[in-house]
Amino acid sequence: MKIASALIVVSPGLALLAQTAPNPQTSIAALEQQVKLHLQEQKPQLAIPVLRQIVSLDPKNVNAQANLGVLLHFQNKFDEAIPHLRASLLLQSDLWRIEALLGIAEKRTGDASQAVPHLEQAFSNLDKEEKIGIQVGLELIELHAAAAQFEKALIVAVKLGQMAPANPQVLLATYEIARQTMDHTMLNMMVAAPDSAEMHMMMAGELAREGDPTNAVGQYREAIRLNPSLPGVHFELAEVMRTSADPAISAQAEAEYRAALKLNAYDALSLRQLAGIMNAK
């Protein structure tokens, strides 16, 4: 995100926040002109000390507080940026870009307890601000995943996917959180019900994805032995069998599709695959 896009503008036509006191001091007005000039010349390092002067003269100048925080943030001086970003939000609570930067700065300084609510609030109000909205979402996913709050992370990932379905960062984050969620669920199942039909079905799915259909079939059969009515188990077994290189195994897929349809007559996937088998005969 470019610095210029993060600087706050409340009233149209101004480069900085126009939250000016009714009778501003002449010195503050002159300093603000200096800041404006430095920013127009793309010299933020010169604008920072001038903004510090304005803040010292008028701590309630939301414009100066916000823009000083923004410039410090983009120089990676997060500890210095945080007080000014917070001060500007106390003066005007609906500065969503500022709240986003505050949450990111708090995350960078290891203050997750403060970062999460600020990032969540900003994310919910930045749907149309694609670039910063995506950044905030990715930061939130990292924080939720680190706290093992995978459901929250997935919710954010889904919303990011709607905002930017072709963004590679979003796709990677969604993939990683989905894998973490699966691993976490597998560990929970191993503790809660290691010998259950559900555990064997999960193991079978993992084996099938790893390219071990023989052992996958064995796990699916064990799941069926323990619970013949387990939802989805007959269809998934049939799918592994159907793609087997062994004709004797692939021939058994039809029976499993039929078993799936006996449990759920509206199973469109099983019905479609069974129809394909029958048409091939």
C-alpha atoms as a PDB file:
ATOM      1  CA  MET A   1       0.000   0.000   0.000  1.00  0.00           C
ATOM      2  CA  LYS A   2       1.418   3.378  -1.028  1.00  0.00           C
ATOM      3  CA  ILE A   3       1.869   6.069   1.601  1.00  0.00           C
ATOM      4  CA  ALA A   4      -0.252   8.501  -0.355  1.00  0.00           C
ATOM      5  CA  SER A   5      -3.238   6.148  -0.301  1.00  0.00           C
ATOM      6  CA  ALA A   6      -3.034   5.744   3.468  1.00  0.00           C
ATOM      7  CA  LEU A   7      -3.022   9.424   4.354  1.00  0.00           C
ATOM      8  CA  ILE A   8      -6.399  10.385   5.713  1.00  0.00           C
ATOM      9  CA  VAL A   9      -8.731  12.849   4.037  1.00  0.00           C
ATOM     10  CA  VAL A  10     -11.970  13.834   5.728  1.00  0.00           C
ATOM     11  CA  SER A  11     -12.980  16.891   3.667  1.00  0.00           C
ATOM     12  CA  PRO A  12     -12.624  16.886  -0.145  1.00  0.00           C
ATOM     13  CA  GLY A  13      -9.908  18.970  -1.675  1.00  0.00           C
ATOM     14  CA  LEU A  14      -7.357  18.709   1.113  1.00  0.00           C
ATOM     15  CA  ALA A  15      -4.228  16.571   1.073  1.00  0.00           C
ATOM     16  CA  LEU A  16      -4.407  16.094   4.855  1.00  0.00           C
ATOM     17  CA  LEU A  17      -7.192  15.603   7.361  1.00  0.00           C
ATOM     18  CA  ALA A  18      -9.169  18.801   7.642  1.00  0.00           C
ATOM     19  CA  GLN A  19     -10.099  18.556  11.304  1.00  0.00           C
ATOM     20  CA  THR A  20      -8.945  22.125  12.007  1.00  0.00           C
ATOM     21  CA  ALA A  21      -9.825  24.135  15.070  1.00  0.00           C
ATOM     22  CA  PRO A  22     -12.214  27.026  14.460  1.00  0.00           C
ATOM     23  CA  ASN A  23      -9.422  29.580  15.081  1.00  0.00           C
ATOM     24  CA  PRO A  24      -6.171  27.781  14.245  1.00  0.00           C
ATOM     25  CA  GLN A  25      -2.934  29.332  15.347  1.00  0.00           C
ATOM     26  CA  THR A  26      -0.985  30.934  12.554  1.00  0.00           C
ATOM     27  CA  SER A  27       2.048  28.817  13.395  1.00  0.00           C
ATOM     28  CA  ILE A  28       0.084  25.562  13.003  1.00  0.00           C
ATOM     29  CA  ALA A  29      -1.340  26.704   9.663  1.00  0.00           C
ATOM     30  CA  ALA A  30       2.158  27.497   8.441  1.00  0.00           C
ATOM     31  CA  LEU A  31       3.457  24.129   9.610  1.00  0.00           C
ATOM     32  CA  GLU A  32       0.607  22.356   7.851  1.00  0.00           C
ATOM     33  CA  GLN A  33       1.582  24.071   4.630  1.00  0.00           C
ATOM     34  CA  GLN A  34       5.131  22.792   5.087  1.00  0.00           C
ATOM     35  CA  VAL A  35       3.818  19.266   5.574  1.00  0.00           C
ATOM     36  CA  LYS A  36       1.663  19.544   2.473  1.00  0.00           C
ATOM     37  CA  LEU A  37       4.649  20.693   0.425  1.00  0.00           C
ATOM     38  CA  HIS A  38       6.919  17.889   1.696  1.00  0.00           C
ATOM     39  CA  LEU A  39       4.300  15.269   0.885  1.00  0.00           C
ATOM     40  CA  GLN A  40       3.710  16.684  -2.576  1.00  0.00           C
ATOM     41  CA  GLU A  41       7.455  16.405  -3.150  1.00  0.00           C
ATOM     42  CA  GLN A  42       7.407  12.799  -1.862  1.00  0.00           C
ATOM     43  CA  LYS A  43       9.673  13.662   1.059  1.00  0.00           C
ATOM     44  CA  PRO A  44       7.996  12.022   4.056  1.00  0.00           C
ATOM     45  CA  GLN A  45      11.229  12.133   6.070  1.00  0.00           C
ATOM     46  CA  LEU A  46      10.973  15.938   6.044  1.00  0.00           C
ATOM     47  CA  ALA A  47       7.267  15.933   6.869  1.00  0.00           C
ATOM     48  CA  ILE A  48       7.666  13.821  10.019  1.00  0.00           C
ATOM     49  CA  PRO A  49       9.473  16.406  12.220  1.00  0.00           C
ATOM     50  CA  VAL A  50       7.032  19.103  11.130  1.00  0.00           C
ATOM     51  CA  LEU A  51       4.086  16.891  12.046  1.00  0.00           C
ATOM     52  CA  ARG A  52       5.717  16.290  15.431  1.00  0.00           C
ATOM     53  CA  GLN A  53       5.758  20.063  15.948  1.00  0.00           C
ATOM     54  CA  ILE A  54       2.073  20.336  15.108  1.00  0.00           C
ATOM     55  CA  VAL A  55       1.195  17.500  17.509  1.00  0.00           C
ATOM     56  CA  SER A  56       3.186  19.129  20.290  1.00  0.00           C
ATOM     57  CA  LEU A  57       1.294  22.407  19.745  1.00  0.00           C
ATOM     58  CA  ASP A  58      -2.114  20.763  19.261  1.00  0.00           C
ATOM     59  CA  PRO A  59      -2.406  17.140  20.504  1.00  0.00           C
ATOM     60  CA  LYS A  60      -6.051  17.062  19.382  1.00  0.00           C
ATOM     61  CA  ASN A  61      -5.184  17.749  15.758  1.00  0.00           C
ATOM     62  CA  VAL A  62      -6.524  14.526  14.238  1.00  0.00           C
ATOM     63  CA  ASN A  63      -4.965  15.359  10.896  1.00  0.00           C
ATOM     64  CA  ALA A  64      -1.454  15.612  12.289  1.00  0.00           C
ATOM     65  CA  GLN A  65      -1.811  12.605  14.604  1.00  0.00           C
ATOM     66  CA  ALA A  66      -3.112  10.368  11.815  1.00  0.00           C
ATOM     67  CA  ASN A  67      -0.600  11.375   9.194  1.00  0.00           C
ATOM     68  CA  LEU A  68       2.333  11.233  11.600  1.00  0.00           C
ATOM     69  CA  GLY A  69       1.280   7.707  12.522  1.00  0.00           C
ATOM     70  CA  VAL A  70       0.963   6.731   8.854  1.00  0.00           C
ATOM     71  CA  LEU A  71       4.410   8.050   7.916  1.00  0.00           C
ATOM     72  CA  LEU A  72       6.087   6.380  10.888  1.00  0.00           C
ATOM     73  CA  HIS A  73       4.278   3.127  10.093  1.00  0.00           C
ATOM     74  CA  PHE A  74       5.642   3.058   6.555  1.00  0.00           C
ATOM     75  CA  GLN A  75       9.130   3.618   7.898  1.00  0.00           C
ATOM     76  CA  ASN A  76       8.595   0.464   9.997  1.00  0.00           C
ATOM     77  CA  LYS A  77       8.762   2.518  13.196  1.00  0.00           C
ATOM     78  CA  PHE A  78       5.759   0.720  14.589  1.00  0.00           C
ATOM     79  CA  ASP A  79       6.386   1.507  18.264  1.00  0.00           C
ATOM     80  CA  GLU A  80       6.478   5.207  17.446  1.00  0.00           C
ATOM     81  CA  ALA A  81       3.501   5.036  15.086  1.00  0.00           C
ATOM     82  CA  ILE A  82       1.109   3.301  17.483  1.00  0.00           C
ATOM     83  CA  PRO A  83       0.495   6.197  19.939  1.00  0.00           C
ATOM     84  CA  HIS A  84      -0.318   8.597  17.104  1.00  0.00           C
ATOM     85  CA  LEU A  85      -2.590   6.136  15.302  1.00  0.00           C
ATOM     86  CA  ARG A  86      -4.424   5.472  18.561  1.00  0.00           C
ATOM     87  CA  ALA A  87      -4.710   9.183  19.314  1.00  0.00           C
ATOM     88  CA  SER A  88      -6.281   9.877  15.917  1.00  0.00           C
ATOM     89  CA  LEU A  89      -8.834   7.081  16.426  1.00  0.00           C
ATOM     90  CA  LEU A  90      -9.793   8.482  19.808  1.00  0.00           C
ATOM     91  CA  LEU A  91     -10.461  11.784  18.098  1.00  0.00           C
ATOM     92  CA  GLN A  92     -12.337  10.213  15.162  1.00  0.00           C
ATOM     93  CA  SER A  93     -13.366   6.575  15.442  1.00  0.00           C
ATOM     94  CA  ASP A  94     -14.358   5.848  11.824  1.00  0.00           C
ATOM     95  CA  LEU A  95     -10.916   6.130  10.245  1.00  0.00           C
ATOM     96  CA  TRP A  96     -10.821   2.537   8.985  1.00  0.00           C
ATOM     97  CA  ARG A  97      -7.503   2.797   7.149  1.00  0.00           C
ATOM     98  CA  ILE A  98      -5.914   4.191  10.282  1.00  0.00           C
ATOM     99  CA  GLU A  99      -7.430   1.377  12.345  1.00  0.00           C
ATOM    100  CA  ALA A 100      -6.061  -1.134   9.830  1.00  0.00           C
ATOM    101  CA  LEU A 101      -2.567   0.315  10.109  1.00  0.00           C
ATOM    102  CA  LEU A 102      -2.859   0.385  13.902  1.00  0.00           C
ATOM    103  CA  GLY A 103      -3.781  -3.302  13.980  1.00  0.00           C
ATOM    104  CA  ILE A 104      -0.902  -4.183  11.676  1.00  0.00           C
ATOM    105  CA  ALA A 105       1.545  -2.156  13.784  1.00  0.00           C
ATOM    106  CA  GLU A 106       0.305  -3.863  16.959  1.00  0.00           C
ATOM    107  CA  LYS A 107       0.749  -7.250  15.293  1.00  0.00           C
ATOM    108  CA  ARG A 108       4.280  -6.320  14.242  1.00  0.00           C
ATOM    109  CA  THR A 109       5.136  -5.388  17.820  1.00  0.00           C
ATOM    110  CA  GLY A 110       3.725  -8.642  19.231  1.00  0.00           C
ATOM    111  CA  ASP A 111       0.534  -7.234  20.761  1.00  0.00           C
ATOM    112  CA  ALA A 112      -1.962  -9.718  19.340  1.00  0.00           C
ATOM    113  CA  SER A 113      -4.629  -8.980  21.955  1.00  0.00           C
ATOM    114  CA  GLN A 114      -4.871  -5.396  20.699  1.00  0.00           C
ATOM    115  CA  ALA A 115      -4.240  -6.182  17.043  1.00  0.00           C
ATOM    116  CA  VAL A 116      -7.099  -8.653  16.546  1.00  0.00           C
ATOM    117  CA  PRO A 117     -10.035  -6.367  17.483  1.00  0.00           C
ATOM    118  CA  HIS A 118      -8.599  -3.472  15.498  1.00  0.00           C
ATOM    119  CA  LEU A 119      -7.997  -5.628  12.426  1.00  0.00           C
ATOM    120  CA  GLU A 120     -11.441  -7.221  12.710  1.00  0.00           C
ATOM    121  CA  GLN A 121     -13.136  -3.832  12.948  1.00  0.00           C
ATOM    122  CA  ALA A 122     -11.164  -2.473  10.006  1.00  0.00           C
ATOM    123  CA  PHE A 123     -11.732  -5.609   7.899  1.00  0.00           C
ATOM    124  CA  SER A 124     -15.485  -5.400   8.343  1.00  0.00           C
ATOM    125  CA  ASN A 125     -15.466  -1.841   7.008  1.00  0.00           C
ATOM    126  CA  LEU A 126     -12.932  -2.123   4.195  1.00  0.00           C
ATOM    127  CA  ASP A 127     -14.751  -4.398   1.737  1.00  0.00           C
ATOM    128  CA  LYS A 128     -14.298  -1.950  -1.139  1.00  0.00           C
ATOM    129  CA  GLU A 129     -10.720  -1.056  -0.275  1.00  0.00           C
ATOM    130  CA  GLU A 130      -9.317  -4.093  -2.010  1.00  0.00           C
ATOM    131  CA  LYS A 131      -5.574  -3.788  -1.414  1.00  0.00           C
ATOM    132  CA  ILE A 132      -5.609  -2.834   2.237  1.00  0.00           C
ATOM    133  CA  GLY A 133      -8.630  -5.060   2.843  1.00  0.00           C
ATOM    134  CA  ILE A 134      -6.703  -8.068   1.538  1.00  0.00           C
ATOM    135  CA  GLN A 135      -3.672  -7.189   3.638  1.00  0.00           C
ATOM    136  CA  VAL A 136      -5.790  -6.868   6.769  1.00  0.00           C
ATOM    137  CA  GLY A 137      -7.497 -10.182   6.035  1.00  0.00           C
ATOM    138  CA  LEU A 138      -4.189 -11.986   5.575  1.00  0.00           C
ATOM    139  CA  GLU A 139      -2.907 -10.528   8.854  1.00  0.00           C
ATOM    140  CA  LEU A 140      -6.057 -11.749  10.607  1.00  0.00           C
ATOM    141  CA  ILE A 141      -5.689 -15.250   9.205  1.00  0.00           C
ATOM    142  CA  GLU A 142      -2.160 -15.455  10.587  1.00  0.00           C
ATOM    143  CA  LEU A 143      -3.276 -14.303  14.028  1.00  0.00           C
ATOM    144  CA  HIS A 144      -6.276 -16.650  14.189  1.00  0.00           C
ATOM    145  CA  ALA A 145      -4.216 -19.613  12.977  1.00  0.00           C
ATOM    146  CA  ALA A 146      -1.488 -18.899  15.535  1.00  0.00           C
ATOM    147  CA  ALA A 147      -4.162 -18.995  18.242  1.00  0.00           C
ATOM    148  CA  ALA A 148      -5.558 -22.283  16.805  1.00  0.00           C
ATOM    149  CA  GLN A 149      -8.826 -20.487  16.007  1.00  0.00           C
ATOM    150  CA  PHE A 150      -9.139 -22.152  12.640  1.00  0.00           C
ATOM    151  CA  GLU A 151     -12.867 -21.555  12.193  1.00  0.00           C
ATOM    152  CA  LYS A 152     -12.340 -17.795  12.481  1.00  0.00           C
ATOM    153  CA  ALA A 153      -9.421 -18.001  10.067  1.00  0.00           C
ATOM    154  CA  LEU A 154     -11.549 -19.892   7.538  1.00  0.00           C
ATOM    155  CA  ILE A 155     -14.322 -17.297   7.755  1.00  0.00           C
ATOM    156  CA  VAL A 156     -11.830 -14.570   6.891  1.00  0.00           C
ATOM    157  CA  ALA A 157     -10.328 -16.707   4.108  1.00  0.00           C
ATOM    158  CA  VAL A 158     -13.753 -17.246   2.534  1.00  0.00           C
ATOM    159  CA  LYS A 159     -14.464 -13.518   2.577  1.00  0.00           C
ATOM    160  CA  LEU A 160     -11.046 -12.800   1.064  1.00  0.00           C
ATOM    161  CA  GLY A 161     -11.772 -15.344  -1.649  1.00  0.00           C
ATOM    162  CA  GLN A 162     -14.923 -13.433  -2.534  1.00  0.00           C
ATOM    163  CA  MET A 163     -13.021 -10.141  -2.636  1.00  0.00           C
ATOM    164  CA  ALA A 164     -10.084 -11.423  -4.685  1.00  0.00           C
ATOM    165  CA  PRO A 165     -10.713 -14.933  -6.073  1.00  0.00           C
ATOM    166  CA  ALA A 166      -7.602 -14.924  -8.284  1.00  0.00           C
ATOM    167  CA  ASN A 167      -5.156 -13.407  -5.806  1.00  0.00           C
ATOM    168  CA  PRO A 168      -2.303 -15.923  -5.267  1.00  0.00           C
ATOM    169  CA  GLN A 169      -1.674 -14.742  -1.698  1.00  0.00           C
ATOM    170  CA  VAL A 170      -5.312 -15.331  -0.832  1.00  0.00           C
ATOM    171  CA  LEU A 171      -5.334 -18.731  -2.519  1.00  0.00           C
ATOM    172  CA  LEU A 172      -2.199 -19.822  -0.672  1.00  0.00           C
ATOM    173  CA  ALA A 173      -3.512 -18.588   2.685  1.00  0.00           C
ATOM    174  CA  THR A 174      -6.805 -20.411   2.121  1.00  0.00           C
ATOM    175  CA  TYR A 175      -4.993 -23.624   1.163  1.00  0.00           C
ATOM    176  CA  GLU A 176      -2.719 -23.464   4.202  1.00  0.00           C
ATOM    177  CA  ILE A 177      -5.503 -22.762   6.670  1.00  0.00           C
ATOM    178  CA  ALA A 178      -7.578 -25.590   5.175  1.00  0.00           C
ATOM    179  CA  ARG A 179      -4.663 -27.988   5.659  1.00  0.00           C
ATOM    180  CA  GLN A 180      -4.082 -26.763   9.203  1.00  0.00           C
ATOM    181  CA  THR A 181      -7.761 -27.226   9.953  1.00  0.00           C
ATOM    182  CA  MET A 182      -7.678 -30.785   8.622  1.00  0.00           C
ATOM    183  CA  ASP A 183      -4.565 -31.641  10.619  1.00  0.00           C
ATOM    184  CA  HIS A 184      -6.032 -30.147  13.772  1.00  0.00           C
ATOM    185  CA  THR A 185      -9.277 -32.076  13.293  1.00  0.00           C
ATOM    186  CA  MET A 186      -7.370 -35.301  12.677  1.00  0.00           C
ATOM    187  CA  LEU A 187      -5.449 -34.878  15.930  1.00  0.00           C
ATOM    188  CA  ASN A 188      -8.669 -34.188  17.810  1.00  0.00           C
ATOM    189  CA  MET A 189     -10.242 -37.325  16.338  1.00  0.00           C
ATOM    190  CA  MET A 190      -7.229 -39.433  17.297  1.00  0.00           C
ATOM    191  CA  VAL A 191      -7.688 -38.305  20.895  1.00  0.00           C
ATOM    192  CA  ALA A 192     -11.483 -38.449  20.997  1.00  0.00           C
ATOM    193  CA  ALA A 193     -12.247 -41.610  19.000  1.00  0.00           C
ATOM    194  CA  PRO A 194      -9.140 -43.368  17.658  1.00  0.00           C
ATOM    195  CA  ASP A 195     -10.931 -46.646  16.864  1.00  0.00           C
ATOM    196  CA  SER A 196     -14.127 -45.186  15.435  1.00  0.00           C
ATOM    197  CA  ALA A 197     -15.536 -45.615  11.953  1.00  0.00           C
ATOM    198  CA  GLU A 198     -15.069 -41.876  11.468  1.00  0.00           C
ATOM    199  CA  MET A 199     -11.367 -42.137  12.268  1.00  0.00           C
ATOM    200  CA  HIS A 200     -10.891 -44.936   9.737  1.00  0.00           C
ATOM    201  CA  MET A 201     -12.768 -42.921   7.118  1.00  0.00           C
ATOM    202  CA  MET A 202     -10.520 -39.907   7.716  1.00  0.00           C
ATOM    203  CA  MET A 203      -7.418 -42.103   7.482  1.00  0.00           C
ATOM    204  CA  ALA A 204      -8.723 -43.614   4.253  1.00  0.00           C
ATOM    205  CA  GLY A 205      -9.181 -40.162   2.743  1.00  0.00           C
ATOM    206  CA  GLU A 206      -5.635 -39.173   3.647  1.00  0.00           C
ATOM    207  CA  LEU A 207      -4.228 -42.394   2.166  1.00  0.00           C
ATOM    208  CA  ALA A 208      -6.186 -41.872  -1.047  1.00  0.00           C
ATOM    209  CA  ARG A 209      -4.841 -38.315  -1.372  1.00  0.00           C
ATOM    210  CA  GLU A 210      -1.325 -39.612  -0.783  1.00  0.00           C
ATOM    211  CA  GLY A 211      -1.670 -42.097  -3.661  1.00  0.00           C
ATOM    212  CA  ASP A 212      -2.074 -45.278  -1.609  1.00  0.00           C
ATOM    213  CA  PRO A 213      -5.388 -46.699  -2.840  1.00  0.00           C
ATOM    214  CA  THR A 214      -4.788 -50.232  -1.552  1.00  0.00           C
ATOM    215  CA  ASN A 215      -4.547 -49.172   2.083  1.00  0.00           C
ATOM    216  CA  ALA A 216      -7.259 -46.566   1.539  1.00  0.00           C
ATOM    217  CA  VAL A 217      -9.671 -49.305   0.481  1.00  0.00           C
ATOM    218  CA  GLY A 218      -8.764 -51.289   3.588  1.00  0.00           C
ATOM    219  CA  GLN A 219      -9.506 -48.313   5.850  1.00  0.00           C
ATOM    220  CA  TYR A 220     -12.822 -47.600   4.117  1.00  0.00           C
ATOM    221  CA  ARG A 221     -13.845 -51.248   4.524  1.00  0.00           C
ATOM    222  CA  GLU A 222     -12.991 -51.130   8.217  1.00  0.00           C
ATOM    223  CA  ALA A 223     -15.104 -47.981   8.568  1.00  0.00           C
ATOM    224  CA  ILE A 224     -18.022 -49.752   6.868  1.00  0.00           C
ATOM    225  CA  ARG A 225     -17.598 -52.777   9.127  1.00  0.00           C
ATOM    226  CA  LEU A 226     -17.894 -50.521  12.165  1.00  0.00           C
ATOM    227  CA  ASN A 227     -20.734 -48.400  10.758  1.00  0.00           C
ATOM    228  CA  PRO A 228     -22.309 -49.443   7.418  1.00  0.00           C
ATOM    229  CA  SER A 229     -24.511 -46.336   7.475  1.00  0.00           C
ATOM    230  CA  LEU A 230     -21.702 -43.808   7.876  1.00  0.00           C
ATOM    231  CA  PRO A 231     -22.587 -40.905   5.559  1.00  0.00           C
ATOM    232  CA  GLY A 232     -20.413 -40.726   2.451  1.00  0.00           C
ATOM    233  CA  VAL A 233     -18.310 -43.799   3.149  1.00  0.00           C
ATOM    234  CA  HIS A 234     -19.713 -45.977   0.343  1.00  0.00           C
ATOM    235  CA  PHE A 235     -19.350 -43.207  -2.230  1.00  0.00           C
ATOM    236  CA  GLU A 236     -15.757 -42.434  -1.257  1.00  0.00           C
ATOM    237  CA  LEU A 237     -14.832 -46.120  -1.311  1.00  0.00           C
ATOM    238  CA  ALA A 238     -16.466 -46.460  -4.721  1.00  0.00           C
ATOM    239  CA  GLU A 239     -14.460 -43.498  -6.032  1.00  0.00           C
ATOM    240  CA  VAL A 240     -11.174 -45.108  -4.987  1.00  0.00           C
ATOM    241  CA  MET A 241     -12.220 -48.448  -6.449  1.00  0.00           C
ATOM    242  CA  ARG A 242     -13.418 -46.941  -9.745  1.00  0.00           C
ATOM    243  CA  THR A 243     -10.001 -45.465 -10.506  1.00  0.00           C
ATOM    244  CA  SER A 244      -8.055 -48.579  -9.491  1.00  0.00           C
ATOM    245  CA  ALA A 245      -5.732 -50.143 -12.054  1.00  0.00           C
ATOM    246  CA  ASP A 246      -6.841 -53.562 -10.825  1.00  0.00           C
ATOM    247  CA  PRO A 247      -9.952 -54.642 -12.811  1.00  0.00           C
ATOM    248  CA  ALA A 248     -11.069 -56.848  -9.920  1.00  0.00           C
ATOM    249  CA  ILE A 249     -11.178 -53.841  -7.600  1.00  0.00           C
ATOM    250  CA  SER A 250     -12.664 -51.374 -10.100  1.00  0.00           C
ATOM    251  CA  ALA A 251     -15.472 -53.842 -10.781  1.00  0.00           C
ATOM    252  CA  GLN A 252     -16.552 -53.540  -7.119  1.00  0.00           C
ATOM    253  CA  ALA A 253     -17.261 -49.799  -7.430  1.00  0.00           C
ATOM    254  CA  GLU A 254     -20.759 -50.404  -8.811  1.00  0.00           C
ATOM    255  CA  ALA A 255     -21.873 -52.223  -5.657  1.00  0.00           C
ATOM    256  CA  GLU A 256     -20.605 -49.383  -3.466  1.00  0.00           C
ATOM    257  CA  TYR A 257     -22.426 -46.733  -5.497  1.00  0.00           C
ATOM    258  CA  ARG A 258     -25.603 -48.798  -5.141  1.00  0.00           C
ATOM    259  CA  ALA A 259     -25.010 -49.083  -1.389  1.00  0.00           C
ATOM    260  CA  ALA A 260     -24.630 -45.313  -1.199  1.00  0.00           C
ATOM    261  CA  LEU A 261     -27.937 -44.833  -3.031  1.00  0.00           C
ATOM    262  CA  LYS A 262     -29.719 -47.206  -0.661  1.00  0.00           C
ATOM    263  CA  LEU A 263     -28.713 -44.931   2.198  1.00  0.00           C
ATOM    264  CA  ASN A 264     -29.503 -41.750   0.287  1.00  0.00           C
ATOM    265  CA  ALA A 265     -31.664 -42.017  -2.809  1.00  0.00           C
ATOM    266  CA  TYR A 266     -30.940 -38.342  -3.588  1.00  0.00           C
ATOM    267  CA  ASP A 267     -27.162 -38.843  -3.775  1.00  0.00           C
ATOM    268  CA  ALA A 268     -26.657 -37.183  -7.156  1.00  0.00           C
ATOM    269  CA  LEU A 269     -22.935 -37.914  -7.318  1.00  0.00           C
ATOM    270  CA  SER A 270     -23.404 -41.660  -6.785  1.00  0.00           C
ATOM    271  CA  LEU A 271     -26.299 -41.712  -9.241  1.00  0.00           C
ATOM    272  CA  ARG A 272     -24.214 -39.983 -11.916  1.00  0.00           C
ATOM    273  CA  GLN A 273     -21.241 -42.321 -11.473  1.00  0.00           C
ATOM    274  CA  LEU A 274     -23.470 -45.384 -11.476  1.00  0.00           C
ATOM    275  CA  ALA A 275     -25.124 -44.201 -14.675  1.00  0.00           C
ATOM    276  CA  GLY A 276     -21.700 -43.829 -16.244  1.00  0.00           C
ATOM    277  CA  ILE A 277     -20.794 -47.399 -15.307  1.00  0.00           C
ATOM    278  CA  MET A 278     -24.077 -48.759 -16.684  1.00  0.00           C
ATOM    279  CA  ASN A 279     -23.674 -46.830 -19.969  1.00  0.00           C
ATOM    280  CA  ALA A 280     -20.162 -48.235 -20.374  1.00  0.00           C
ATOM    281  CA  LYS A 281     -21.387 -51.814 -20.228  1.00  0.00           C
END
